[in-house]
């Protein structure tokens, strides 16, 4: 999968960050000085940790 994702990279892609994030140049937004879009996702493990700390399991596994 990683190779397929990398094959879509253009010059705007500044860096990938593991399997869960990336940096993308947003220089086309000319009203800002050197803007960068940071995209991130997280895995279910972290969501389970948050649910455990909150003692709340009714929303685990739901995507909005």
C-alpha atoms as a PDB file:
ATOM      1  CA  UNK A   1       0.000   0.000   0.000  1.00  0.00           C
ATOM      2  CA  UNK A   2       2.825   2.406   0.841  1.00  0.00           C
ATOM      3  CA  UNK A   3       4.238   2.155  -2.686  1.00  0.00           C
ATOM      4  CA  UNK A   4       0.810   2.884  -4.172  1.00  0.00           C
ATOM      5  CA  UNK A   5       0.443   5.969  -1.986  1.00  0.00           C
ATOM      6  CA  UNK A   6       3.956   7.209  -2.846  1.00  0.00           C
ATOM      7  CA  UNK A   7       3.169   6.840  -6.547  1.00  0.00           C
ATOM      8  CA  UNK A   8       0.578   9.628  -6.157  1.00  0.00           C
ATOM      9  CA  UNK A   9       3.044  12.124  -4.623  1.00  0.00           C
ATOM     10  CA  UNK A  10       3.547  15.392  -6.456  1.00  0.00           C
ATOM     11  CA  UNK A  11       6.041  18.180  -5.758  1.00  0.00           C
ATOM     12  CA  UNK A  12       3.699  19.587  -3.079  1.00  0.00           C
ATOM     13  CA  UNK A  13       4.262  16.583  -0.800  1.00  0.00           C
ATOM     14  CA  UNK A  14       6.913  17.662   1.682  1.00  0.00           C
ATOM     15  CA  UNK A  15       7.131  14.476   3.735  1.00  0.00           C
ATOM     16  CA  UNK A  16       5.250  11.425   4.792  1.00  0.00           C
ATOM     17  CA  UNK A  17       5.169  10.670   8.496  1.00  0.00           C
ATOM     18  CA  UNK A  18       4.923   6.947   9.039  1.00  0.00           C
ATOM     19  CA  UNK A  19       1.621   5.368   8.164  1.00  0.00           C
ATOM     20  CA  UNK A  20      -0.530   7.977   9.865  1.00  0.00           C
ATOM     21  CA  UNK A  21       0.339  11.434   8.581  1.00  0.00           C
ATOM     22  CA  UNK A  22       1.953  13.654   6.013  1.00  0.00           C
ATOM     23  CA  UNK A  23       2.989  17.202   5.156  1.00  0.00           C
ATOM     24  CA  UNK A  24       1.729  18.982   2.067  1.00  0.00           C
ATOM     25  CA  UNK A  25       2.797  22.397   0.818  1.00  0.00           C
ATOM     26  CA  UNK A  26      -0.115  24.797   0.678  1.00  0.00           C
ATOM     27  CA  UNK A  27       1.969  27.519  -0.989  1.00  0.00           C
ATOM     28  CA  UNK A  28      -0.923  28.141  -3.362  1.00  0.00           C
ATOM     29  CA  UNK A  29      -2.608  29.920  -0.456  1.00  0.00           C
ATOM     30  CA  UNK A  30      -0.866  33.171  -1.263  1.00  0.00           C
ATOM     31  CA  UNK A  31      -2.419  35.142   1.594  1.00  0.00           C
ATOM     32  CA  UNK A  32      -0.206  33.162   4.014  1.00  0.00           C
ATOM     33  CA  UNK A  33       3.568  32.954   4.369  1.00  0.00           C
ATOM     34  CA  UNK A  34       4.821  29.359   3.796  1.00  0.00           C
ATOM     35  CA  UNK A  35       1.606  27.516   4.717  1.00  0.00           C
ATOM     36  CA  UNK A  36       1.818  23.752   5.287  1.00  0.00           C
ATOM     37  CA  UNK A  37      -1.132  21.376   5.599  1.00  0.00           C
ATOM     38  CA  UNK A  38      -0.493  18.644   8.162  1.00  0.00           C
ATOM     39  CA  UNK A  39      -2.753  15.629   7.785  1.00  0.00           C
ATOM     40  CA  UNK A  40      -2.996  12.947  10.427  1.00  0.00           C
ATOM     41  CA  UNK A  41      -5.059   9.906  11.229  1.00  0.00           C
ATOM     42  CA  UNK A  42      -4.932   7.675  14.245  1.00  0.00           C
ATOM     43  CA  UNK A  43      -5.477   4.018  14.850  1.00  0.00           C
ATOM     44  CA  UNK A  44      -8.070   2.255  16.953  1.00  0.00           C
ATOM     45  CA  UNK A  45      -5.521   1.603  19.723  1.00  0.00           C
ATOM     46  CA  UNK A  46      -5.465   5.255  20.765  1.00  0.00           C
ATOM     47  CA  UNK A  47      -9.247   5.465  20.591  1.00  0.00           C
ATOM     48  CA  UNK A  48      -9.501   2.486  22.932  1.00  0.00           C
ATOM     49  CA  UNK A  49      -7.080   4.135  25.373  1.00  0.00           C
ATOM     50  CA  UNK A  50      -9.184   7.311  25.419  1.00  0.00           C
ATOM     51  CA  UNK A  51     -12.383   5.290  25.915  1.00  0.00           C
ATOM     52  CA  UNK A  52     -10.792   3.412  28.819  1.00  0.00           C
ATOM     53  CA  UNK A  53      -9.645   6.625  30.499  1.00  0.00           C
ATOM     54  CA  UNK A  54     -13.091   8.164  30.077  1.00  0.00           C
ATOM     55  CA  UNK A  55     -14.867   4.971  31.171  1.00  0.00           C
ATOM     56  CA  UNK A  56     -17.080   5.394  28.134  1.00  0.00           C
ATOM     57  CA  UNK A  57     -17.451   2.666  25.533  1.00  0.00           C
ATOM     58  CA  UNK A  58     -20.664   3.657  23.739  1.00  0.00           C
ATOM     59  CA  UNK A  59     -18.928   5.522  20.911  1.00  0.00           C
ATOM     60  CA  UNK A  60     -15.958   3.237  20.256  1.00  0.00           C
ATOM     61  CA  UNK A  61     -15.853   2.031  16.666  1.00  0.00           C
ATOM     62  CA  UNK A  62     -18.015   4.805  15.252  1.00  0.00           C
ATOM     63  CA  UNK A  63     -16.800   7.186  12.573  1.00  0.00           C
ATOM     64  CA  UNK A  64     -18.637  10.450  12.146  1.00  0.00           C
END
